[in-house]
Amino acid sequence: MERKIRNTILELVEGDLTEMETEAIVNAANEYLQHGGGVAGAIVRKGGKIIQEESNKIGYCPVGQTAITTGGNLKAKYVIHTVGPRMGEGNEDEKLKSATLNSLKLADEKQLKSIAFPAISTGIFGFPIEKCAKIMLSNTIDYLKGKTSLEKVIFCLFGKESLEVFKKELEKELAEGGEK
């Protein structure tokens, strides 16, 4: 599913984030940037230990913030690491909003043309997929209505169920806010 928001294509796909041919992919990281399991583990397994080595040099990234490393052997040139909230830690919605927007801002700072996101915090961090879709999509759409170097933003989702949730939410967001 693909929609245009101002000058940027917003696309939803089911697939493997590590196979995305975007300039950057977003890693749903933990605060210490230790990439053992989930999306983070898959990124390091496919991209190589250089990603973990560069993450170790950064050392720490607070919830809602971002850090960037090279993409190692990935198709993506960069990995933007962002720390999403764990359900139950408090202020989760605002933290997910920050993680999303800070990833987009960092991509713009690097003048990147394309980025791919997973559904941040919906794995072991326990964030509900429906709420994730609403927060990530609404904030991405608002961001893309402003000045950006991004030409393509992809949400690469794991499984048909997640894709359907994001599709339904995207249709709802665009019906409410209109396309620009």
Protein backbone atom coordinates (compact mmCIF):
# COMPACT_ATOMS: atom_id res chain seq x y z
CA MET A 1 0.00 0.00 0.00
CA GLU A 2 1.40 3.35 -1.04
CA ARG A 3 0.22 6.92 -0.45
CA LYS A 4 1.76 10.29 -1.24
CA ILE A 5 2.12 12.84 1.56
CA ARG A 6 3.21 16.14 0.03
CA ASN A 7 6.47 15.18 -1.78
CA THR A 8 7.05 11.88 0.02
CA ILE A 9 5.80 8.36 -0.69
CA LEU A 10 4.58 6.57 2.44
CA GLU A 11 4.51 2.82 1.88
CA LEU A 12 3.39 -0.16 3.96
CA VAL A 13 4.93 -3.55 3.21
CA GLU A 14 5.10 -6.95 4.84
CA GLY A 15 8.66 -8.18 4.88
CA ASP A 16 12.12 -8.42 6.33
CA LEU A 17 13.47 -5.06 7.52
CA THR A 18 17.05 -6.25 6.97
CA GLU A 19 16.31 -6.63 3.23
CA MET A 20 15.01 -3.10 2.72
CA GLU A 21 16.79 -1.16 -0.01
CA THR A 22 16.45 2.20 1.71
CA GLU A 23 19.31 4.48 2.74
CA ALA A 24 18.50 3.77 6.40
CA ILE A 25 16.54 1.26 8.40
CA VAL A 26 15.35 1.93 11.93
CA ASN A 27 16.34 -0.49 14.64
CA ALA A 28 14.04 -0.86 17.65
CA ALA A 29 16.91 -0.88 20.13
CA ASN A 30 17.35 -1.10 23.88
CA GLU A 31 18.98 1.72 25.86
CA TYR A 32 22.41 0.08 25.94
CA LEU A 33 22.35 -0.67 22.20
CA GLN A 34 22.99 -4.36 22.79
CA HIS A 35 21.51 -6.11 19.77
CA GLY A 36 20.84 -9.65 20.93
CA GLY A 37 17.27 -10.50 19.96
CA GLY A 38 14.28 -9.42 17.91
CA VAL A 39 14.76 -6.84 15.16
CA ALA A 40 18.07 -5.68 16.65
CA GLY A 41 19.51 -9.19 16.68
CA ALA A 42 18.43 -9.82 13.09
CA ILE A 43 20.06 -6.56 11.97
CA VAL A 44 23.42 -7.49 13.50
CA ARG A 45 23.25 -11.10 12.26
CA LYS A 46 22.70 -9.91 8.69
CA GLY A 47 24.66 -6.65 8.81
CA GLY A 48 27.68 -7.95 10.68
CA LYS A 49 29.39 -7.29 14.00
CA ILE A 50 30.51 -3.82 12.86
CA ILE A 51 27.01 -2.57 13.76
CA GLN A 52 27.37 -3.87 17.33
CA GLU A 53 30.93 -2.53 17.55
CA GLU A 54 29.81 0.95 16.48
CA SER A 55 26.86 0.72 18.90
CA ASN A 56 29.26 -0.19 21.73
CA LYS A 57 31.22 3.02 21.04
CA ILE A 58 27.99 5.03 21.38
CA GLY A 59 27.19 3.07 24.53
CA TYR A 60 23.84 4.46 25.59
CA CYS A 61 20.70 5.95 24.04
CA PRO A 62 17.78 7.15 26.20
CA VAL A 63 14.19 6.10 25.47
CA GLY A 64 12.75 8.17 22.62
CA GLN A 65 16.17 9.23 21.34
CA THR A 66 18.27 8.04 18.39
CA ALA A 67 21.80 7.07 17.41
CA ILE A 68 23.22 6.13 14.01
CA THR A 69 25.71 3.54 12.78
CA THR A 70 26.69 2.28 9.38
CA GLY A 71 24.67 -0.56 7.90
CA GLY A 72 27.58 -2.99 7.64
CA ASN A 73 26.64 -5.69 5.12
CA LEU A 74 23.00 -4.59 4.92
CA LYS A 75 21.50 -3.10 1.76
CA ALA A 76 20.84 0.03 3.85
CA LYS A 77 23.81 2.37 4.25
CA TYR A 78 22.81 3.32 7.82
CA VAL A 79 21.00 1.95 10.83
CA ILE A 80 19.16 4.52 12.93
CA HIS A 81 18.81 3.03 16.39
CA THR A 82 15.90 4.30 18.44
CA VAL A 83 14.73 3.18 21.84
CA GLY A 84 11.00 2.69 22.10
CA PRO A 85 9.06 2.42 25.35
CA ARG A 86 8.35 -0.72 27.34
CA MET A 87 4.66 -1.08 28.22
CA GLY A 88 4.13 -0.18 31.84
CA GLU A 89 7.10 2.19 32.21
CA GLY A 90 4.90 5.29 31.97
CA ASN A 91 4.35 7.97 29.32
CA GLU A 92 4.69 5.31 26.60
CA ASP A 93 2.70 7.13 23.91
CA GLU A 94 4.86 10.26 24.13
CA LYS A 95 8.04 8.16 24.14
CA LEU A 96 6.98 6.29 20.98
CA LYS A 97 6.13 9.60 19.34
CA SER A 98 9.62 10.89 20.21
CA ALA A 99 11.30 7.72 18.91
CA THR A 100 9.43 8.09 15.60
CA LEU A 101 10.00 11.82 15.13
CA ASN A 102 13.64 11.71 16.24
CA SER A 103 14.33 8.96 13.69
CA LEU A 104 12.80 11.09 10.93
CA LYS A 105 14.73 14.18 12.08
CA LEU A 106 18.03 12.28 12.13
CA ALA A 107 17.36 11.01 8.60
CA ASP A 108 16.78 14.61 7.52
CA GLU A 109 19.94 15.81 9.31
CA LYS A 110 21.87 13.25 7.23
CA GLN A 111 19.90 14.36 4.13
CA LEU A 112 18.71 10.83 3.48
CA LYS A 113 16.10 10.15 0.80
CA SER A 114 14.61 6.94 2.21
CA ILE A 115 14.03 5.19 5.52
CA ALA A 116 12.27 2.00 6.66
CA PHE A 117 10.69 1.51 10.09
CA PRO A 118 9.55 -1.58 11.97
CA ALA A 119 6.57 -1.42 14.35
CA ILE A 120 8.64 -0.05 17.26
CA SER A 121 8.13 -1.58 20.73
CA THR A 122 5.51 -4.15 19.62
CA GLY A 123 7.78 -7.15 20.21
CA ILE A 124 9.24 -7.96 23.63
CA PHE A 125 8.48 -4.40 24.84
CA GLY A 126 4.76 -5.30 24.67
CA PHE A 127 3.34 -2.19 23.00
CA PRO A 128 -0.08 -2.87 21.41
CA ILE A 129 0.16 -2.93 17.59
CA GLU A 130 -3.03 -0.86 17.10
CA LYS A 131 -1.75 1.94 19.33
CA CYS A 132 1.70 1.74 17.71
CA ALA A 133 0.21 2.11 14.22
CA LYS A 134 -1.81 5.17 15.25
CA ILE A 135 1.10 6.94 16.96
CA MET A 136 3.74 6.14 14.36
CA LEU A 137 1.57 6.86 11.30
CA SER A 138 -0.09 10.04 12.57
CA ASN A 139 3.24 11.54 13.62
CA THR A 140 4.98 10.47 10.41
CA ILE A 141 2.20 11.98 8.29
CA ASP A 142 2.37 15.26 10.23
CA TYR A 143 6.16 15.30 9.87
CA LEU A 144 6.01 14.68 6.12
CA LYS A 145 3.66 17.64 5.67
CA GLY A 146 6.63 19.86 6.59
CA LYS A 147 10.00 20.38 4.93
CA THR A 148 11.90 17.10 4.54
CA SER A 149 14.57 15.56 2.31
CA LEU A 150 12.82 12.19 2.59
CA GLU A 151 11.31 10.95 -0.65
CA LYS A 152 10.19 7.56 0.71
CA VAL A 153 9.20 6.31 4.15
CA ILE A 154 8.42 2.60 4.45
CA PHE A 155 6.83 0.78 7.35
CA CYS A 156 8.15 -2.78 6.98
CA LEU A 157 5.87 -4.98 9.04
CA PHE A 158 6.29 -8.51 10.28
CA GLY A 159 3.28 -10.63 9.35
CA LYS A 160 0.02 -10.03 7.52
CA GLU A 161 -1.85 -9.17 10.73
CA SER A 162 0.51 -6.27 11.51
CA LEU A 163 0.32 -5.08 7.92
CA GLU A 164 -3.49 -5.09 8.05
CA VAL A 165 -3.52 -3.07 11.28
CA PHE A 166 -1.23 -0.45 9.72
CA LYS A 167 -3.26 -0.38 6.47
CA LYS A 168 -6.50 0.19 8.36
CA GLU A 169 -4.90 2.96 10.45
CA LEU A 170 -3.33 4.66 7.42
CA GLU A 171 -6.71 4.80 5.65
CA LYS A 172 -8.27 6.24 8.80
CA GLU A 173 -5.51 8.87 9.24
CA LEU A 174 -5.74 10.02 5.64
CA ALA A 175 -9.55 10.13 5.72
CA GLU A 176 -9.43 12.29 8.87
CA GLY A 177 -6.55 14.56 7.94
CA GLY A 178 -6.70 14.53 4.16
CA GLU A 179 -3.72 14.07 1.86
CA LYS A 180 -1.55 17.08 1.11
